[in-house]
């Protein structure tokens, strides 16, 4: 049953609305306007979202849409959209569909010809990556690790020689077990960043070789609490491992203007490295 609220939107629309991942000030003005104006808010947890709406003084009605009912309830929302309503989709925190419900609803909306409009906003994956210091030109988000050790190790073996940065979510009660499995599969020298409690009071972003990171987390119980993102440096060959990222970037820039041998020789002189190693890296990685 619908109420008498008149939608301000010319075309019935499903809005994908990110919400803060911790700091409530991170909601956008556009998100507030949409949440105020839509006919209904589809929320992962209506009680959790209700607290945010109360903080923002938003009175829009909510509708529960979560992992356990989405496939059954998505069509109900599509039917309401087709009758002229506009709906906002939110998750408990961050951008919907990123390890959160919404996939079935968005897919059915697009198949039914319903307009889908995404709003930019908070996302723990991108927030963590931007401050990690790891290469960000190529990365993949891998979701949550499997709950059991064998599943985690199998997943780690799949990405062990992937050259891009790989990003995972992990829960606090499994963080030590997961880091231990990572150490077993990837070795003590692989650089990993733990980003914890992003945007919150006790935000921590710590990057260390795995051998050191495991010890650091074990020594401090506080680092085993809260929402967590793990970022794994991509696999590097022996020649890559001995060349700092700064030097690789410099060589790439020089090689655009000079022959590779000349660029490698100049970089070797500037950074006091072996030109043969730089030349080999250039052959393997530069076009």
Protein backbone atom coordinates (compact mmCIF):
# COMPACT_ATOMS: atom_id res chain seq x y z
CA UNK A 1 0.00 0.00 0.00
CA UNK A 2 1.36 3.44 -0.88
CA UNK A 3 0.75 6.73 0.89
CA UNK A 4 -0.32 10.05 -0.66
CA UNK A 5 3.22 11.42 -0.92
CA UNK A 6 3.86 12.86 -4.38
CA UNK A 7 7.25 11.93 -5.79
CA UNK A 8 9.31 14.98 -6.77
CA UNK A 9 11.13 12.94 -9.42
CA UNK A 10 9.89 13.08 -13.00
CA UNK A 11 10.73 9.41 -13.63
CA UNK A 12 10.41 6.62 -11.02
CA UNK A 13 13.98 5.89 -9.98
CA UNK A 14 16.00 3.55 -7.82
CA UNK A 15 18.77 5.58 -6.17
CA UNK A 16 21.89 3.82 -4.86
CA UNK A 17 22.78 5.91 -1.81
CA UNK A 18 26.07 5.46 0.11
CA UNK A 19 25.97 6.15 3.83
CA UNK A 20 28.85 6.94 6.23
CA UNK A 21 31.23 4.13 7.19
CA UNK A 22 31.81 5.70 10.60
CA UNK A 23 31.88 9.47 10.72
CA UNK A 24 28.31 10.73 10.23
CA UNK A 25 29.62 13.96 8.71
CA UNK A 26 30.63 11.99 5.61
CA UNK A 27 27.07 11.85 4.23
CA UNK A 28 26.74 14.03 1.11
CA UNK A 29 24.22 16.83 0.70
CA UNK A 30 22.81 15.09 -2.36
CA UNK A 31 22.31 11.86 -0.38
CA UNK A 32 20.38 13.78 2.30
CA UNK A 33 18.16 15.38 -0.34
CA UNK A 34 17.42 12.04 -2.01
CA UNK A 35 16.66 10.29 1.27
CA UNK A 36 14.27 13.11 2.14
CA UNK A 37 12.47 13.08 -1.20
CA UNK A 38 12.05 9.43 -2.18
CA UNK A 39 8.87 7.53 -1.34
CA UNK A 40 10.68 4.68 0.38
CA UNK A 41 14.12 3.68 1.66
CA UNK A 42 15.11 0.03 1.20
CA UNK A 43 17.53 -0.67 4.06
CA UNK A 44 19.70 -3.64 5.03
CA UNK A 45 18.77 -3.13 8.70
CA UNK A 46 15.88 -0.72 9.28
CA UNK A 47 16.83 -0.21 12.93
CA UNK A 48 20.40 0.71 12.06
CA UNK A 49 19.31 3.01 9.22
CA UNK A 50 16.63 4.49 11.47
CA UNK A 51 19.33 5.89 13.76
CA UNK A 52 20.99 7.66 10.81
CA UNK A 53 17.67 8.99 9.55
CA UNK A 54 16.80 10.25 13.04
CA UNK A 55 20.18 12.02 13.22
CA UNK A 56 19.43 13.68 9.87
CA UNK A 57 15.80 14.40 10.83
CA UNK A 58 14.51 12.41 7.84
CA UNK A 59 11.00 10.96 8.13
CA UNK A 60 10.91 8.76 4.98
CA UNK A 61 9.55 5.25 5.58
CA UNK A 62 11.92 2.28 5.44
CA UNK A 63 11.58 -1.25 4.06
CA UNK A 64 13.80 -4.18 5.06
CA UNK A 65 15.87 -5.61 2.20
CA UNK A 66 18.70 -7.88 3.30
CA UNK A 67 20.62 -11.01 2.27
CA UNK A 68 17.92 -13.37 3.52
CA UNK A 69 14.91 -11.82 1.76
CA UNK A 70 16.28 -9.88 -1.22
CA UNK A 71 15.50 -12.42 -3.92
CA UNK A 72 11.89 -12.63 -2.73
CA UNK A 73 11.34 -8.91 -1.99
CA UNK A 74 13.14 -7.34 -4.96
CA UNK A 75 10.16 -7.86 -7.26
CA UNK A 76 7.87 -6.14 -4.74
CA UNK A 77 10.05 -3.03 -4.95
CA UNK A 78 10.29 -3.21 -8.74
CA UNK A 79 6.49 -3.29 -8.92
CA UNK A 80 6.28 -0.20 -6.71
CA UNK A 81 8.80 1.57 -8.91
CA UNK A 82 6.84 0.68 -12.03
CA UNK A 83 3.72 2.18 -10.40
CA UNK A 84 5.48 5.54 -10.04
CA UNK A 85 7.35 5.52 -6.73
CA UNK A 86 11.01 6.38 -6.24
CA UNK A 87 13.14 4.33 -3.86
CA UNK A 88 16.55 4.79 -2.21
CA UNK A 89 18.68 1.71 -1.54
CA UNK A 90 21.05 1.92 1.43
CA UNK A 91 23.21 -0.57 3.32
CA UNK A 92 24.32 -0.38 6.95
CA UNK A 93 27.46 1.52 5.96
CA UNK A 94 29.21 2.57 2.78
CA UNK A 95 28.12 1.93 -0.80
CA UNK A 96 25.35 -0.64 -1.35
CA UNK A 97 26.24 -3.86 -3.23
CA UNK A 98 29.91 -3.71 -2.14
CA UNK A 99 29.77 -6.90 -0.04
CA UNK A 100 26.23 -5.79 0.85
CA UNK A 101 22.73 -6.56 -0.48
CA UNK A 102 21.29 -4.94 -3.60
CA UNK A 103 22.53 -6.97 -6.56
CA UNK A 104 19.22 -8.73 -7.24
CA UNK A 105 17.22 -5.52 -6.90
CA UNK A 106 19.46 -3.53 -9.25
CA UNK A 107 19.52 -6.37 -11.79
CA UNK A 108 15.74 -6.71 -11.79
CA UNK A 109 15.31 -2.94 -12.07
CA UNK A 110 17.55 -2.78 -15.12
CA UNK A 111 15.81 -5.76 -16.72
CA UNK A 112 12.45 -4.06 -16.14
CA UNK A 113 13.61 -0.78 -17.65
CA UNK A 114 13.51 1.08 -14.32
CA UNK A 115 15.95 3.99 -14.06
CA UNK A 116 18.87 3.33 -11.68
CA UNK A 117 20.91 6.30 -10.45
CA UNK A 118 24.09 5.77 -8.37
CA UNK A 119 25.29 8.44 -5.96
CA UNK A 120 29.01 8.69 -5.15
CA UNK A 121 29.99 8.46 -1.52
CA UNK A 122 31.72 6.56 1.26
CA UNK A 123 33.29 3.17 0.47
CA UNK A 124 35.76 1.43 2.79
CA UNK A 125 37.61 -0.20 -0.13
CA UNK A 126 38.48 3.09 -1.82
CA UNK A 127 39.05 4.95 1.45
CA UNK A 128 41.59 2.34 2.56
CA UNK A 129 43.32 2.14 -0.81
CA UNK A 130 43.75 5.91 -1.09
CA UNK A 131 45.76 6.05 2.15
CA UNK A 132 47.53 2.67 1.98
CA UNK A 133 50.62 3.67 0.03
CA UNK A 134 50.19 0.56 -2.14
CA UNK A 135 49.96 0.75 -5.95
CA UNK A 136 46.48 1.97 -6.89
CA UNK A 137 46.67 1.95 -10.69
CA UNK A 138 45.48 -1.69 -10.73
CA UNK A 139 43.58 -3.30 -7.89
CA UNK A 140 40.79 -5.78 -7.22
CA UNK A 141 38.27 -6.06 -4.41
CA UNK A 142 37.88 -9.67 -3.27
CA UNK A 143 35.16 -9.33 -0.61
CA UNK A 144 35.43 -11.25 2.67
CA UNK A 145 37.83 -14.12 3.19
CA UNK A 146 36.25 -17.58 3.65
CA UNK A 147 35.53 -18.39 7.29
CA UNK A 148 37.68 -21.54 7.45
CA UNK A 149 41.46 -21.79 7.14
CA UNK A 150 41.48 -24.12 4.13
CA UNK A 151 39.17 -21.81 2.20
CA UNK A 152 41.32 -18.79 3.08
CA UNK A 153 44.51 -20.53 2.01
CA UNK A 154 42.93 -21.62 -1.27
CA UNK A 155 41.87 -18.04 -1.96
CA UNK A 156 45.34 -16.75 -1.07
CA UNK A 157 46.96 -19.27 -3.40
CA UNK A 158 44.74 -17.92 -6.20
CA UNK A 159 46.05 -14.38 -5.73
CA UNK A 160 49.61 -15.20 -4.58
CA UNK A 161 51.17 -14.27 -7.94
CA UNK A 162 48.63 -11.64 -9.00
CA UNK A 163 50.52 -8.41 -9.66
CA UNK A 164 47.73 -5.97 -8.74
CA UNK A 165 46.84 -4.83 -5.22
CA UNK A 166 44.22 -7.17 -3.72
CA UNK A 167 41.77 -5.88 -1.11
CA UNK A 168 39.73 -7.94 1.37
CA UNK A 169 37.34 -7.26 4.22
CA UNK A 170 37.82 -9.23 7.43
CA UNK A 171 36.03 -9.51 10.76
CA UNK A 172 37.85 -8.81 14.04
CA UNK A 173 37.36 -12.29 15.52
CA UNK A 174 39.19 -13.86 12.55
CA UNK A 175 41.90 -11.26 11.91
CA UNK A 176 44.75 -13.13 13.65
CA UNK A 177 43.89 -16.46 12.03
CA UNK A 178 43.67 -14.78 8.63
CA UNK A 179 46.99 -12.97 9.02
CA UNK A 180 48.62 -16.25 10.09
CA UNK A 181 47.26 -17.98 6.98
CA UNK A 182 48.52 -15.08 4.86
CA UNK A 183 51.96 -15.47 6.41
CA UNK A 184 51.97 -19.20 5.62
CA UNK A 185 50.97 -18.69 1.97
CA UNK A 186 52.53 -15.35 1.02
CA UNK A 187 55.63 -15.37 3.22
CA UNK A 188 56.99 -12.86 5.75
CA UNK A 189 58.17 -10.26 3.23
CA UNK A 190 54.90 -9.53 1.41
CA UNK A 191 53.73 -6.02 2.29
CA UNK A 192 50.21 -5.85 3.72
CA UNK A 193 48.26 -2.87 5.03
CA UNK A 194 45.68 -3.20 7.80
CA UNK A 195 43.14 -0.36 7.73
CA UNK A 196 40.93 -0.46 10.81
CA UNK A 197 37.99 1.62 12.04
CA UNK A 198 38.23 3.99 9.06
CA UNK A 199 36.85 7.52 9.70
CA UNK A 200 36.26 6.66 13.36
CA UNK A 201 37.99 7.86 16.52
CA UNK A 202 40.47 4.96 16.67
CA UNK A 203 41.27 4.79 12.96
CA UNK A 204 44.49 2.89 12.27
CA UNK A 205 46.30 2.39 8.96
CA UNK A 206 49.42 0.26 9.35
CA UNK A 207 51.51 -1.21 6.56
CA UNK A 208 54.30 -3.71 7.28
CA UNK A 209 55.85 -6.88 5.87
CA UNK A 210 53.57 -9.74 6.92
CA UNK A 211 56.04 -11.17 9.42
CA UNK A 212 56.11 -7.85 11.29
CA UNK A 213 52.40 -7.12 10.88
CA UNK A 214 51.36 -10.42 12.47
CA UNK A 215 53.57 -9.73 15.49
CA UNK A 216 52.27 -6.13 15.75
CA UNK A 217 48.63 -7.22 15.79
CA UNK A 218 49.31 -10.01 18.31
CA UNK A 219 50.97 -7.56 20.69
CA UNK A 220 48.07 -5.09 20.73
CA UNK A 221 44.52 -6.33 21.42
CA UNK A 222 43.14 -2.99 20.23
CA UNK A 223 44.25 -3.84 16.69
CA UNK A 224 41.98 -6.90 16.79
CA UNK A 225 38.78 -4.85 17.12
CA UNK A 226 36.48 -3.02 14.76
CA UNK A 227 35.81 -2.98 11.02
CA UNK A 228 38.86 -4.08 9.00
CA UNK A 229 40.23 -3.84 5.48
CA UNK A 230 43.32 -5.83 4.40
CA UNK A 231 45.30 -4.67 1.36
CA UNK A 232 47.94 -6.97 -0.13
CA UNK A 233 50.75 -5.66 -2.30
CA UNK A 234 50.78 -7.37 -5.68
CA UNK A 235 53.32 -10.04 -6.53
CA UNK A 236 56.70 -8.74 -7.64
CA UNK A 237 59.44 -10.60 -9.48
CA UNK A 238 62.94 -10.64 -8.02
CA UNK A 239 63.93 -7.65 -10.14
CA UNK A 240 60.82 -5.74 -9.08
CA UNK A 241 61.32 -6.55 -5.42
CA UNK A 242 64.72 -4.83 -5.36
CA UNK A 243 63.54 -1.68 -7.14
CA UNK A 244 61.56 0.88 -5.10
CA UNK A 245 58.23 2.05 -6.54
CA UNK A 246 59.60 5.60 -6.81
CA UNK A 247 62.39 4.40 -9.10
CA UNK A 248 59.97 2.38 -11.24
CA UNK A 249 57.82 5.48 -11.73
CA UNK A 250 60.84 7.60 -12.60
CA UNK A 251 62.08 5.03 -15.12
CA UNK A 252 58.64 4.87 -16.70
CA UNK A 253 58.59 8.65 -17.16
CA UNK A 254 62.11 8.80 -18.58
CA UNK A 255 61.47 5.91 -20.96
CA UNK A 256 58.70 7.93 -22.62
CA UNK A 257 61.31 10.50 -23.76
CA UNK A 258 64.50 8.42 -24.04
CA UNK A 259 65.58 4.97 -25.28
CA UNK A 260 65.14 2.43 -22.49
CA UNK A 261 68.90 1.79 -22.15
CA UNK A 262 69.58 5.50 -21.69
CA UNK A 263 66.69 5.92 -19.26
CA UNK A 264 67.90 2.92 -17.22
CA UNK A 265 71.45 4.30 -17.11
CA UNK A 266 70.25 7.71 -15.89
CA UNK A 267 68.00 6.18 -13.23
CA UNK A 268 70.84 3.93 -12.08
CA UNK A 269 73.11 6.95 -11.66
CA UNK A 270 70.47 9.03 -9.83
CA UNK A 271 69.33 6.30 -7.43
CA UNK A 272 72.63 4.40 -7.13
CA UNK A 273 71.19 1.15 -8.51
CA UNK A 274 72.39 -1.37 -11.09
CA UNK A 275 71.45 -0.31 -14.61
CA UNK A 276 71.10 -3.91 -15.80
CA UNK A 277 68.42 -4.58 -13.21
CA UNK A 278 66.59 -1.40 -14.22
CA UNK A 279 66.88 -2.26 -17.91
CA UNK A 280 65.52 -5.76 -17.26
CA UNK A 281 62.62 -4.35 -15.27
CA UNK A 282 61.88 -1.94 -18.10
CA UNK A 283 61.82 -4.75 -20.68
CA UNK A 284 59.40 -6.74 -18.51
CA UNK A 285 57.07 -3.93 -17.53
CA UNK A 286 57.22 -1.03 -20.00
CA UNK A 287 55.83 -1.02 -23.50
